[in-house]
Amino acid sequence: MKTEDWATLAGVLIAAALAIGPWMLAVHAKLAVIASRVADVCAKLEASAADQRRLWDVCARHETDLSVHAAELASLRGRPP
């Protein structure tokens, strides 16, 4: 290939890069935003799961307390005043 052919090829490649470059940067920026939001959602889901486990423990403890109170009330009802 001659020098003119190489110059034409380089010009076409540079023009294509300049035409596609801004679009590629915009797509990259949008993907970065999406990735950060996905990371935020994952963190919130993990926190929610930890809260849910804690709430189940509290619920089980309260259920145990209620059954103890019910047994105590039943024994008090059986006693004469």
N, C-alpha and C. Protein backbone atom coordinates (compact mmCIF):
# COMPACT_ATOMS: atom_id res chain seq x y z
N MET A 1 0.84 -1.18 0.00
CA MET A 1 0.00 0.00 0.00
C MET A 1 0.89 1.24 0.00
N LYS A 2 0.37 2.25 -0.62
CA LYS A 2 1.11 3.50 -0.71
C LYS A 2 0.84 4.35 0.52
N THR A 3 1.59 5.39 0.64
CA THR A 3 1.44 6.32 1.77
C THR A 3 0.06 6.96 1.76
N GLU A 4 -0.46 7.26 0.57
CA GLU A 4 -1.79 7.87 0.48
C GLU A 4 -2.87 6.91 0.99
N ASP A 5 -2.69 5.63 0.70
CA ASP A 5 -3.65 4.63 1.17
C ASP A 5 -3.62 4.53 2.70
N TRP A 6 -2.42 4.53 3.26
CA TRP A 6 -2.29 4.50 4.73
C TRP A 6 -2.90 5.75 5.35
N ALA A 7 -2.69 6.90 4.75
CA ALA A 7 -3.25 8.15 5.27
C ALA A 7 -4.77 8.13 5.20
N THR A 8 -5.31 7.60 4.11
CA THR A 8 -6.77 7.48 3.97
C THR A 8 -7.33 6.53 5.02
N LEU A 9 -6.69 5.41 5.21
CA LEU A 9 -7.12 4.44 6.21
C LEU A 9 -7.06 5.04 7.61
N ALA A 10 -5.98 5.72 7.92
CA ALA A 10 -5.85 6.37 9.23
C ALA A 10 -6.92 7.43 9.41
N GLY A 11 -7.23 8.19 8.37
CA GLY A 11 -8.28 9.21 8.45
C GLY A 11 -9.64 8.60 8.70
N VAL A 12 -9.93 7.49 8.03
CA VAL A 12 -11.21 6.81 8.23
C VAL A 12 -11.31 6.26 9.66
N LEU A 13 -10.22 5.66 10.14
CA LEU A 13 -10.23 5.12 11.50
C LEU A 13 -10.38 6.22 12.54
N ILE A 14 -9.70 7.33 12.36
CA ILE A 14 -9.80 8.45 13.30
C ILE A 14 -11.21 9.04 13.27
N ALA A 15 -11.78 9.18 12.07
CA ALA A 15 -13.15 9.71 11.95
C ALA A 15 -14.14 8.78 12.63
N ALA A 16 -13.97 7.48 12.45
CA ALA A 16 -14.86 6.52 13.11
C ALA A 16 -14.72 6.59 14.62
N ALA A 17 -13.49 6.70 15.10
CA ALA A 17 -13.27 6.80 16.55
C ALA A 17 -13.89 8.07 17.12
N LEU A 18 -13.77 9.17 16.39
CA LEU A 18 -14.35 10.43 16.85
C LEU A 18 -15.88 10.40 16.79
N ALA A 19 -16.43 9.65 15.87
CA ALA A 19 -17.88 9.54 15.77
C ALA A 19 -18.45 8.61 16.83
N ILE A 20 -17.75 7.53 17.11
CA ILE A 20 -18.25 6.52 18.05
C ILE A 20 -17.83 6.82 19.49
N GLY A 21 -16.74 7.54 19.68
CA GLY A 21 -16.19 7.79 21.01
C GLY A 21 -17.17 8.41 22.00
N PRO A 22 -17.83 9.52 21.66
CA PRO A 22 -18.77 10.12 22.62
C PRO A 22 -19.93 9.19 22.99
N TRP A 23 -20.40 8.45 22.00
CA TRP A 23 -21.47 7.50 22.28
C TRP A 23 -20.99 6.42 23.25
N MET A 24 -19.78 5.93 23.05
CA MET A 24 -19.22 4.91 23.94
C MET A 24 -19.05 5.46 25.36
N LEU A 25 -18.61 6.71 25.48
CA LEU A 25 -18.48 7.31 26.80
C LEU A 25 -19.83 7.47 27.48
N ALA A 26 -20.86 7.85 26.72
CA ALA A 26 -22.20 7.98 27.30
C ALA A 26 -22.72 6.63 27.79
N VAL A 27 -22.51 5.59 27.00
CA VAL A 27 -22.94 4.25 27.40
C VAL A 27 -22.18 3.81 28.65
N HIS A 28 -20.90 4.08 28.68
CA HIS A 28 -20.08 3.72 29.84
C HIS A 28 -20.58 4.45 31.10
N ALA A 29 -20.91 5.72 30.97
CA ALA A 29 -21.42 6.48 32.12
C ALA A 29 -22.75 5.92 32.60
N LYS A 30 -23.63 5.59 31.67
CA LYS A 30 -24.92 5.01 32.07
C LYS A 30 -24.73 3.67 32.75
N LEU A 31 -23.83 2.86 32.24
CA LEU A 31 -23.56 1.56 32.88
C LEU A 31 -22.96 1.74 34.27
N ALA A 32 -22.13 2.75 34.46
CA ALA A 32 -21.57 3.01 35.78
C ALA A 32 -22.66 3.41 36.76
N VAL A 33 -23.61 4.22 36.32
CA VAL A 33 -24.73 4.61 37.19
C VAL A 33 -25.57 3.40 37.54
N ILE A 34 -25.86 2.56 36.55
CA ILE A 34 -26.65 1.36 36.81
C ILE A 34 -25.92 0.44 37.78
N ALA A 35 -24.63 0.28 37.61
CA ALA A 35 -23.86 -0.58 38.51
C ALA A 35 -23.87 -0.05 39.94
N SER A 36 -23.78 1.26 40.10
CA SER A 36 -23.80 1.81 41.46
C SER A 36 -25.17 1.64 42.09
N ARG A 37 -26.23 1.77 41.31
CA ARG A 37 -27.58 1.56 41.85
C ARG A 37 -27.81 0.11 42.22
N VAL A 38 -27.29 -0.81 41.42
CA VAL A 38 -27.41 -2.23 41.75
C VAL A 38 -26.67 -2.53 43.05
N ALA A 39 -25.51 -1.92 43.23
CA ALA A 39 -24.76 -2.11 44.48
C ALA A 39 -25.55 -1.55 45.67
N ASP A 40 -26.21 -0.40 45.49
CA ASP A 40 -27.02 0.16 46.57
C ASP A 40 -28.20 -0.75 46.91
N VAL A 41 -28.84 -1.29 45.89
CA VAL A 41 -29.97 -2.20 46.12
C VAL A 41 -29.50 -3.46 46.84
N CYS A 42 -28.35 -3.99 46.47
CA CYS A 42 -27.81 -5.18 47.15
C CYS A 42 -27.53 -4.90 48.62
N ALA A 43 -26.97 -3.74 48.90
CA ALA A 43 -26.69 -3.38 50.29
C ALA A 43 -27.99 -3.23 51.08
N LYS A 44 -29.00 -2.63 50.46
CA LYS A 44 -30.29 -2.48 51.14
C LYS A 44 -30.95 -3.83 51.37
N LEU A 45 -30.83 -4.75 50.41
CA LEU A 45 -31.39 -6.09 50.59
C LEU A 45 -30.70 -6.84 51.73
N GLU A 46 -29.40 -6.71 51.82
CA GLU A 46 -28.68 -7.37 52.91
C GLU A 46 -29.09 -6.78 54.26
N ALA A 47 -29.24 -5.47 54.33
CA ALA A 47 -29.68 -4.83 55.58
C ALA A 47 -31.09 -5.26 55.92
N SER A 48 -31.94 -5.36 54.91
CA SER A 48 -33.32 -5.78 55.13
C SER A 48 -33.38 -7.22 55.64
N ALA A 49 -32.54 -8.07 55.09
CA ALA A 49 -32.51 -9.47 55.55
C ALA A 49 -32.05 -9.55 57.00
N ALA A 50 -31.07 -8.75 57.37
CA ALA A 50 -30.60 -8.74 58.77
C ALA A 50 -31.70 -8.23 59.69
N ASP A 51 -32.40 -7.19 59.28
CA ASP A 51 -33.51 -6.67 60.08
C ASP A 51 -34.61 -7.71 60.22
N GLN A 52 -34.89 -8.42 59.13
CA GLN A 52 -35.94 -9.44 59.17
C GLN A 52 -35.57 -10.56 60.13
N ARG A 53 -34.30 -10.99 60.13
CA ARG A 53 -33.87 -12.01 61.08
C ARG A 53 -34.02 -11.54 62.51
N ARG A 54 -33.64 -10.27 62.76
CA ARG A 54 -33.78 -9.71 64.10
C ARG A 54 -35.25 -9.66 64.51
N LEU A 55 -36.12 -9.27 63.60
CA LEU A 55 -37.55 -9.19 63.91
C LEU A 55 -38.14 -10.57 64.18
N TRP A 56 -37.67 -11.60 63.45
CA TRP A 56 -38.16 -12.95 63.72
C TRP A 56 -37.74 -13.40 65.12
N ASP A 57 -36.55 -13.04 65.55
CA ASP A 57 -36.11 -13.37 66.90
C ASP A 57 -36.98 -12.68 67.94
N VAL A 58 -37.27 -11.40 67.71
CA VAL A 58 -38.13 -10.66 68.64
C VAL A 58 -39.53 -11.28 68.67
N CYS A 59 -40.04 -11.64 67.51
CA CYS A 59 -41.37 -12.25 67.43
C CYS A 59 -41.41 -13.58 68.19
N ALA A 60 -40.39 -14.40 68.03
CA ALA A 60 -40.34 -15.69 68.74
C ALA A 60 -40.27 -15.47 70.25
N ARG A 61 -39.49 -14.47 70.67
CA ARG A 61 -39.39 -14.18 72.10
C ARG A 61 -40.73 -13.70 72.65
N HIS A 62 -41.41 -12.85 71.90
CA HIS A 62 -42.72 -12.37 72.36
C HIS A 62 -43.75 -13.49 72.40
N GLU A 63 -43.69 -14.39 71.42
CA GLU A 63 -44.62 -15.52 71.43
C GLU A 63 -44.39 -16.40 72.64
N THR A 64 -43.14 -16.61 72.99
CA THR A 64 -42.82 -17.39 74.19
C THR A 64 -43.35 -16.69 75.44
N ASP A 65 -43.14 -15.37 75.51
CA ASP A 65 -43.64 -14.61 76.66
C ASP A 65 -45.16 -14.69 76.75
N LEU A 66 -45.85 -14.61 75.62
CA LEU A 66 -47.31 -14.68 75.63
C LEU A 66 -47.79 -16.05 76.09
N SER A 67 -47.14 -17.11 75.68
CA SER A 67 -47.57 -18.44 76.13
C SER A 67 -47.31 -18.62 77.62
N VAL A 68 -46.22 -18.04 78.12
CA VAL A 68 -45.95 -18.09 79.57
C VAL A 68 -47.03 -17.33 80.32
N HIS A 69 -47.38 -16.13 79.82
CA HIS A 69 -48.43 -15.34 80.48
C HIS A 69 -49.78 -16.05 80.42
N ALA A 70 -50.08 -16.69 79.32
CA ALA A 70 -51.34 -17.43 79.20
C ALA A 70 -51.39 -18.56 80.21
N ALA A 71 -50.29 -19.26 80.40
CA ALA A 71 -50.25 -20.35 81.39
C ALA A 71 -50.42 -19.80 82.80
N GLU A 72 -49.78 -18.66 83.07
CA GLU A 72 -49.92 -18.05 84.40
C GLU A 72 -51.35 -17.58 84.65
N LEU A 73 -51.98 -16.99 83.64
CA LEU A 73 -53.37 -16.56 83.79
C LEU A 73 -54.30 -17.75 83.99
N ALA A 74 -54.05 -18.82 83.28
CA ALA A 74 -54.87 -20.03 83.44
C ALA A 74 -54.71 -20.59 84.83
N SER A 75 -53.53 -20.58 85.38
CA SER A 75 -53.35 -21.10 86.75
C SER A 75 -53.99 -20.17 87.77
N LEU A 76 -53.97 -18.86 87.51
CA LEU A 76 -54.63 -17.93 88.43
C LEU A 76 -56.14 -18.07 88.39
N ARG A 77 -56.69 -18.36 87.23
CA ARG A 77 -58.14 -18.55 87.12
C ARG A 77 -58.59 -19.79 87.88
N GLY A 78 -57.76 -20.79 87.98
CA GLY A 78 -58.10 -22.02 88.66
C GLY A 78 -58.05 -21.90 90.18
N ARG A 79 -57.37 -20.88 90.70
CA ARG A 79 -57.27 -20.72 92.14
C ARG A 79 -58.54 -20.07 92.70
N PRO A 80 -58.87 -20.42 93.90
CA PRO A 80 -60.01 -19.74 94.55
C PRO A 80 -59.58 -18.34 94.99
N PRO A 81 -60.49 -17.36 94.94
CA PRO A 81 -60.10 -15.98 95.34
C PRO A 81 -59.78 -15.83 96.79
